[in-house]
PDB file of N, CA and C in Angstrom:
ATOM      1  N   MET A   1     -32.002 -31.457  -8.767  1.00  0.00           N
ATOM      2  CA  MET A   1     -30.776 -31.382  -8.005  1.00  0.00           C
ATOM      3  C   MET A   1     -31.129 -31.308  -6.523  1.00  0.00           C
ATOM      4  N   LYS A   2     -30.396 -32.043  -5.713  1.00  0.00           N
ATOM      5  CA  LYS A   2     -30.662 -32.072  -4.274  1.00  0.00           C
ATOM      6  C   LYS A   2     -30.026 -30.866  -3.587  1.00  0.00           C
ATOM      7  N   LEU A   3     -30.574 -30.532  -2.422  1.00  0.00           N
ATOM      8  CA  LEU A   3     -30.076 -29.412  -1.634  1.00  0.00           C
ATOM      9  C   LEU A   3     -28.602 -29.600  -1.283  1.00  0.00           C
ATOM     10  N   GLU A   4     -28.207 -30.809  -0.923  1.00  0.00           N
ATOM     11  CA  GLU A   4     -26.817 -31.080  -0.566  1.00  0.00           C
ATOM     12  C   GLU A   4     -25.869 -30.792  -1.733  1.00  0.00           C
ATOM     13  N   GLU A   5     -26.316 -31.117  -2.938  1.00  0.00           N
ATOM     14  CA  GLU A   5     -25.500 -30.860  -4.126  1.00  0.00           C
ATOM     15  C   GLU A   5     -25.345 -29.357  -4.352  1.00  0.00           C
ATOM     16  N   LEU A   6     -26.434 -28.620  -4.193  1.00  0.00           N
ATOM     17  CA  LEU A   6     -26.378 -27.167  -4.360  1.00  0.00           C
ATOM     18  C   LEU A   6     -25.451 -26.526  -3.332  1.00  0.00           C
ATOM     19  N   GLN A   7     -25.557 -26.985  -2.075  1.00  0.00           N
ATOM     20  CA  GLN A   7     -24.693 -26.446  -1.029  1.00  0.00           C
ATOM     21  C   GLN A   7     -23.231 -26.739  -1.337  1.00  0.00           C
ATOM     22  N   HIS A   8     -22.955 -27.948  -1.815  1.00  0.00           N
ATOM     23  CA  HIS A   8     -21.590 -28.305  -2.157  1.00  0.00           C
ATOM     24  C   HIS A   8     -21.066 -27.407  -3.285  1.00  0.00           C
ATOM     25  N   LEU A   9     -21.868 -27.198  -4.318  1.00  0.00           N
ATOM     26  CA  LEU A   9     -21.464 -26.352  -5.436  1.00  0.00           C
ATOM     27  C   LEU A   9     -21.262 -24.894  -5.013  1.00  0.00           C
ATOM     28  N   ALA A  10     -22.043 -24.450  -4.033  1.00  0.00           N
ATOM     29  CA  ALA A  10     -21.933 -23.078  -3.549  1.00  0.00           C
ATOM     30  C   ALA A  10     -20.804 -22.902  -2.541  1.00  0.00           C
ATOM     31  N   GLY A  11     -20.192 -24.023  -2.123  1.00  0.00           N
ATOM     32  CA  GLY A  11     -19.096 -23.943  -1.160  1.00  0.00           C
ATOM     33  C   GLY A  11     -19.558 -23.813   0.271  1.00  0.00           C
ATOM     34  N   ILE A  12     -20.788 -24.199   0.549  1.00  0.00           N
ATOM     35  CA  ILE A  12     -21.338 -24.133   1.905  1.00  0.00           C
ATOM     36  C   ILE A  12     -21.033 -25.454   2.605  1.00  0.00           C
ATOM     37  N   PRO A  13     -20.320 -25.422   3.741  1.00  0.00           N
ATOM     38  CA  PRO A  13     -19.994 -26.664   4.440  1.00  0.00           C
ATOM     39  C   PRO A  13     -21.244 -27.377   4.955  1.00  0.00           C
ATOM     40  N   GLN A  14     -21.159 -28.692   5.078  1.00  0.00           N
ATOM     41  CA  GLN A  14     -22.288 -29.486   5.592  1.00  0.00           C
ATOM     42  C   GLN A  14     -22.621 -29.058   7.014  1.00  0.00           C
ATOM     43  N   GLY A  15     -23.896 -28.931   7.314  1.00  0.00           N
ATOM     44  CA  GLY A  15     -24.357 -28.580   8.656  1.00  0.00           C
ATOM     45  C   GLY A  15     -24.277 -27.105   8.973  1.00  0.00           C
ATOM     46  N   SER A  16     -23.802 -26.290   8.042  1.00  0.00           N
ATOM     47  CA  SER A  16     -23.687 -24.861   8.284  1.00  0.00           C
ATOM     48  C   SER A  16     -25.040 -24.209   8.039  1.00  0.00           C
ATOM     49  N   THR A  17     -25.434 -23.322   8.953  1.00  0.00           N
ATOM     50  CA  THR A  17     -26.716 -22.641   8.788  1.00  0.00           C
ATOM     51  C   THR A  17     -26.546 -21.269   8.164  1.00  0.00           C
ATOM     52  N   MET A  18     -25.542 -20.507   8.603  1.00  0.00           N
ATOM     53  CA  MET A  18     -25.313 -19.167   8.078  1.00  0.00           C
ATOM     54  C   MET A  18     -23.813 -18.946   7.932  1.00  0.00           C
ATOM     55  N   PRO A  19     -23.186 -19.488   6.920  1.00  0.00           N
ATOM     56  CA  PRO A  19     -21.734 -19.395   6.820  1.00  0.00           C
ATOM     57  C   PRO A  19     -21.207 -17.974   6.696  1.00  0.00           C
ATOM     58  N   ALA A  20     -21.946 -17.087   6.062  1.00  0.00           N
ATOM     59  CA  ALA A  20     -21.464 -15.721   5.897  1.00  0.00           C
ATOM     60  C   ALA A  20     -21.359 -14.999   7.228  1.00  0.00           C
ATOM     61  N   LEU A  21     -22.140 -15.414   8.209  1.00  0.00           N
ATOM     62  CA  LEU A  21     -22.119 -14.771   9.517  1.00  0.00           C
ATOM     63  C   LEU A  21     -21.321 -15.574  10.527  1.00  0.00           C
ATOM     64  N   GLY A  22     -20.717 -16.624  10.092  1.00  0.00           N
ATOM     65  CA  GLY A  22     -19.942 -17.436  11.020  1.00  0.00           C
ATOM     66  C   GLY A  22     -20.824 -18.135  12.034  1.00  0.00           C
ATOM     67  N   GLY A  23     -22.107 -18.282  11.735  1.00  0.00           N
ATOM     68  CA  GLY A  23     -23.018 -18.936  12.658  1.00  0.00           C
ATOM     69  C   GLY A  23     -23.453 -18.042  13.809  1.00  0.00           C
ATOM     70  N   SER A  24     -23.077 -16.756  13.792  1.00  0.00           N
ATOM     71  CA  SER A  24     -23.448 -15.875  14.892  1.00  0.00           C
ATOM     72  C   SER A  24     -24.894 -15.410  14.731  1.00  0.00           C
ATOM     73  N   ASN A  25     -25.491 -15.036  15.836  1.00  0.00           N
ATOM     74  CA  ASN A  25     -26.850 -14.539  15.837  1.00  0.00           C
ATOM     75  C   ASN A  25     -26.778 -13.014  15.866  1.00  0.00           C
ATOM     76  N   ILE A  26     -27.091 -12.366  14.742  1.00  0.00           N
ATOM     77  CA  ILE A  26     -26.933 -10.917  14.666  1.00  0.00           C
ATOM     78  C   ILE A  26     -27.879 -10.173  15.599  1.00  0.00           C
ATOM     79  N   SER A  27     -28.979 -10.791  15.976  1.00  0.00           N
ATOM     80  CA  SER A  27     -29.898 -10.159  16.915  1.00  0.00           C
ATOM     81  C   SER A  27     -29.237 -10.025  18.292  1.00  0.00           C
ATOM     82  N   LEU A  28     -28.543 -11.059  18.723  1.00  0.00           N
ATOM     83  CA  LEU A  28     -27.864 -11.007  20.020  1.00  0.00           C
ATOM     84  C   LEU A  28     -26.712 -10.012  19.991  1.00  0.00           C
ATOM     85  N   THR A  29     -25.985  -9.974  18.892  1.00  0.00           N
ATOM     86  CA  THR A  29     -24.872  -9.037  18.758  1.00  0.00           C
ATOM     87  C   THR A  29     -25.388  -7.605  18.824  1.00  0.00           C
ATOM     88  N   GLY A  30     -26.460  -7.310  18.118  1.00  0.00           N
ATOM     89  CA  GLY A  30     -27.035  -5.965  18.129  1.00  0.00           C
ATOM     90  C   GLY A  30     -27.564  -5.577  19.494  1.00  0.00           C
ATOM     91  N   SER A  31     -28.176  -6.525  20.185  1.00  0.00           N
ATOM     92  CA  SER A  31     -28.691  -6.254  21.533  1.00  0.00           C
ATOM     93  C   SER A  31     -27.555  -5.932  22.488  1.00  0.00           C
ATOM     94  N   GLU A  32     -26.451  -6.655  22.366  1.00  0.00           N
ATOM     95  CA  GLU A  32     -25.286  -6.409  23.221  1.00  0.00           C
ATOM     96  C   GLU A  32     -24.682  -5.036  22.954  1.00  0.00           C
ATOM     97  N   LYS A  33     -24.595  -4.651  21.688  1.00  0.00           N
ATOM     98  CA  LYS A  33     -24.055  -3.330  21.353  1.00  0.00           C
ATOM     99  C   LYS A  33     -24.970  -2.224  21.872  1.00  0.00           C
ATOM    100  N   ARG A  34     -26.271  -2.431  21.787  1.00  0.00           N
ATOM    101  CA  ARG A  34     -27.218  -1.431  22.292  1.00  0.00           C
ATOM    102  C   ARG A  34     -27.113  -1.299  23.809  1.00  0.00           C
ATOM    103  N   ARG A  35     -26.887  -2.428  24.499  1.00  0.00           N
ATOM    104  CA  ARG A  35     -26.722  -2.396  25.960  1.00  0.00           C
ATOM    105  C   ARG A  35     -25.482  -1.570  26.328  1.00  0.00           C
ATOM    106  N   ILE A  36     -24.390  -1.783  25.607  1.00  0.00           N
ATOM    107  CA  ILE A  36     -23.163  -1.023  25.846  1.00  0.00           C
ATOM    108  C   ILE A  36     -23.401   0.460  25.571  1.00  0.00           C
ATOM    109  N   GLU A  37     -24.150   0.749  24.513  1.00  0.00           N
ATOM    110  CA  GLU A  37     -24.497   2.127  24.164  1.00  0.00           C
ATOM    111  C   GLU A  37     -25.187   2.831  25.333  1.00  0.00           C
ATOM    112  N   ARG A  38     -26.173   2.164  25.917  1.00  0.00           N
ATOM    113  CA  ARG A  38     -26.912   2.754  27.043  1.00  0.00           C
ATOM    114  C   ARG A  38     -26.030   2.921  28.271  1.00  0.00           C
ATOM    115  N   GLU A  39     -25.255   1.873  28.597  1.00  0.00           N
ATOM    116  CA  GLU A  39     -24.419   1.916  29.799  1.00  0.00           C
ATOM    117  C   GLU A  39     -23.378   3.026  29.735  1.00  0.00           C
ATOM    118  N   GLN A  40     -22.801   3.251  28.557  1.00  0.00           N
ATOM    119  CA  GLN A  40     -21.728   4.236  28.418  1.00  0.00           C
ATOM    120  C   GLN A  40     -22.222   5.566  27.853  1.00  0.00           C
ATOM    121  N   ASN A  41     -23.544   5.695  27.714  1.00  0.00           N
ATOM    122  CA  ASN A  41     -24.167   6.923  27.215  1.00  0.00           C
ATOM    123  C   ASN A  41     -23.553   7.368  25.887  1.00  0.00           C
ATOM    124  N   ILE A  42     -23.447   6.431  24.960  1.00  0.00           N
ATOM    125  CA  ILE A  42     -22.906   6.715  23.628  1.00  0.00           C
ATOM    126  C   ILE A  42     -24.056   7.146  22.732  1.00  0.00           C
ATOM    127  N   GLN A  43     -23.917   8.325  22.137  1.00  0.00           N
ATOM    128  CA  GLN A  43     -24.966   8.882  21.291  1.00  0.00           C
ATOM    129  C   GLN A  43     -24.740   8.496  19.826  1.00  0.00           C
ATOM    130  N   PRO A  44     -25.819   8.150  19.096  1.00  0.00           N
ATOM    131  CA  PRO A  44     -25.685   7.816  17.673  1.00  0.00           C
ATOM    132  C   PRO A  44     -25.063   8.961  16.878  1.00  0.00           C
ATOM    133  N   GLY A  45     -24.163   8.613  15.971  1.00  0.00           N
ATOM    134  CA  GLY A  45     -23.525   9.592  15.109  1.00  0.00           C
ATOM    135  C   GLY A  45     -22.205  10.122  15.633  1.00  0.00           C
ATOM    136  N   THR A  46     -21.883   9.849  16.890  1.00  0.00           N
ATOM    137  CA  THR A  46     -20.611  10.303  17.450  1.00  0.00           C
ATOM    138  C   THR A  46     -19.497   9.347  17.029  1.00  0.00           C
ATOM    139  N   PRO A  47     -18.243   9.791  17.120  1.00  0.00           N
ATOM    140  CA  PRO A  47     -17.132   8.885  16.783  1.00  0.00           C
ATOM    141  C   PRO A  47     -17.138   7.601  17.623  1.00  0.00           C
ATOM    142  N   GLU A  48     -17.539   7.697  18.890  1.00  0.00           N
ATOM    143  CA  GLU A  48     -17.607   6.518  19.752  1.00  0.00           C
ATOM    144  C   GLU A  48     -18.659   5.533  19.260  1.00  0.00           C
ATOM    145  N   TRP A  49     -19.784   6.059  18.777  1.00  0.00           N
ATOM    146  CA  TRP A  49     -20.852   5.205  18.271  1.00  0.00           C
ATOM    147  C   TRP A  49     -20.394   4.446  17.023  1.00  0.00           C
ATOM    148  N   PHE A  50     -19.724   5.167  16.091  1.00  0.00           N
ATOM    149  CA  PHE A  50     -19.224   4.508  14.896  1.00  0.00           C
ATOM    150  C   PHE A  50     -18.187   3.445  15.246  1.00  0.00           C
ATOM    151  N   GLN A  51     -17.342   3.729  16.226  1.00  0.00           N
ATOM    152  CA  GLN A  51     -16.346   2.749  16.640  1.00  0.00           C
ATOM    153  C   GLN A  51     -17.022   1.518  17.237  1.00  0.00           C
ATOM    154  N   LEU A  52     -18.053   1.719  18.050  1.00  0.00           N
ATOM    155  CA  LEU A  52     -18.768   0.597  18.656  1.00  0.00           C
ATOM    156  C   LEU A  52     -19.432  -0.275  17.601  1.00  0.00           C
ATOM    157  N   TRP A  53     -20.123   0.337  16.678  1.00  0.00           N
ATOM    158  CA  TRP A  53     -20.918  -0.428  15.713  1.00  0.00           C
ATOM    159  C   TRP A  53     -20.146  -0.928  14.508  1.00  0.00           C
ATOM    160  N   PHE A  54     -19.066  -0.266  14.118  1.00  0.00           N
ATOM    161  CA  PHE A  54     -18.397  -0.615  12.868  1.00  0.00           C
ATOM    162  C   PHE A  54     -16.962  -1.096  13.024  1.00  0.00           C
ATOM    163  N   SER A  55     -16.471  -1.265  14.252  1.00  0.00           N
ATOM    164  CA  SER A  55     -15.131  -1.827  14.405  1.00  0.00           C
ATOM    165  C   SER A  55     -15.171  -3.304  14.013  1.00  0.00           C
ATOM    166  N   LEU A  56     -14.048  -3.821  13.608  1.00  0.00           N
ATOM    167  CA  LEU A  56     -13.950  -5.215  13.173  1.00  0.00           C
ATOM    168  C   LEU A  56     -12.915  -5.935  14.033  1.00  0.00           C
ATOM    169  N   PRO A  57     -13.254  -6.241  15.294  1.00  0.00           N
ATOM    170  CA  PRO A  57     -12.259  -6.811  16.201  1.00  0.00           C
ATOM    171  C   PRO A  57     -11.673  -8.133  15.730  1.00  0.00           C
ATOM    172  N   PHE A  58     -12.430  -8.950  15.014  1.00  0.00           N
ATOM    173  CA  PHE A  58     -11.921 -10.234  14.560  1.00  0.00           C
ATOM    174  C   PHE A  58     -10.981 -10.075  13.370  1.00  0.00           C
ATOM    175  N   MET A  59     -11.093  -8.957  12.643  1.00  0.00           N
ATOM    176  CA  MET A  59     -10.239  -8.754  11.475  1.00  0.00           C
ATOM    177  C   MET A  59      -9.053  -7.842  11.789  1.00  0.00           C
ATOM    178  N   THR A  60      -9.278  -6.799  12.588  1.00  0.00           N
ATOM    179  CA  THR A  60      -8.227  -5.803  12.818  1.00  0.00           C
ATOM    180  C   THR A  60      -7.683  -5.820  14.232  1.00  0.00           C
ATOM    181  N   GLY A  61      -8.385  -6.449  15.163  1.00  0.00           N
ATOM    182  CA  GLY A  61      -7.956  -6.437  16.561  1.00  0.00           C
ATOM    183  C   GLY A  61      -8.379  -5.177  17.291  1.00  0.00           C
ATOM    184  N   GLU A  62      -9.046  -4.262  16.590  1.00  0.00           N
ATOM    185  CA  GLU A  62      -9.502  -3.006  17.201  1.00  0.00           C
ATOM    186  C   GLU A  62     -10.600  -3.322  18.216  1.00  0.00           C
ATOM    187  N   GLN A  63     -10.514  -2.697  19.383  1.00  0.00           N
ATOM    188  CA  GLN A  63     -11.517  -2.874  20.410  1.00  0.00           C
ATOM    189  C   GLN A  63     -12.650  -1.881  20.186  1.00  0.00           C
ATOM    190  N   PRO A  64     -13.911  -2.345  20.215  1.00  0.00           N
ATOM    191  CA  PRO A  64     -15.037  -1.460  19.928  1.00  0.00           C
ATOM    192  C   PRO A  64     -15.280  -0.400  20.996  1.00  0.00           C
ATOM    193  N   VAL A  65     -14.922  -0.659  22.231  1.00  0.00           N
ATOM    194  CA  VAL A  65     -15.094   0.325  23.309  1.00  0.00           C
ATOM    195  C   VAL A  65     -13.858   0.313  24.188  1.00  0.00           C
ATOM    196  N   LYS A  66     -13.639   1.433  24.843  1.00  0.00           N
ATOM    197  CA  LYS A  66     -12.459   1.540  25.724  1.00  0.00           C
ATOM    198  C   LYS A  66     -12.839   1.300  27.152  1.00  0.00           C
TER     199      LYS A  66
END
């Protein structure tokens, strides 16, 4: 079976590299969140930290930082 056939059966669109991530680079996203953490002096484990790292702005519209 060819790779294209497997991708089609799995529901992966042609030319897609990481469909589950929407093609985003998680390394860049994590680096950006860490930069915000440092700039705003957000400490791990605080409510602000959880909001920054676990908000879902594309799904809920919640803003990760104020």
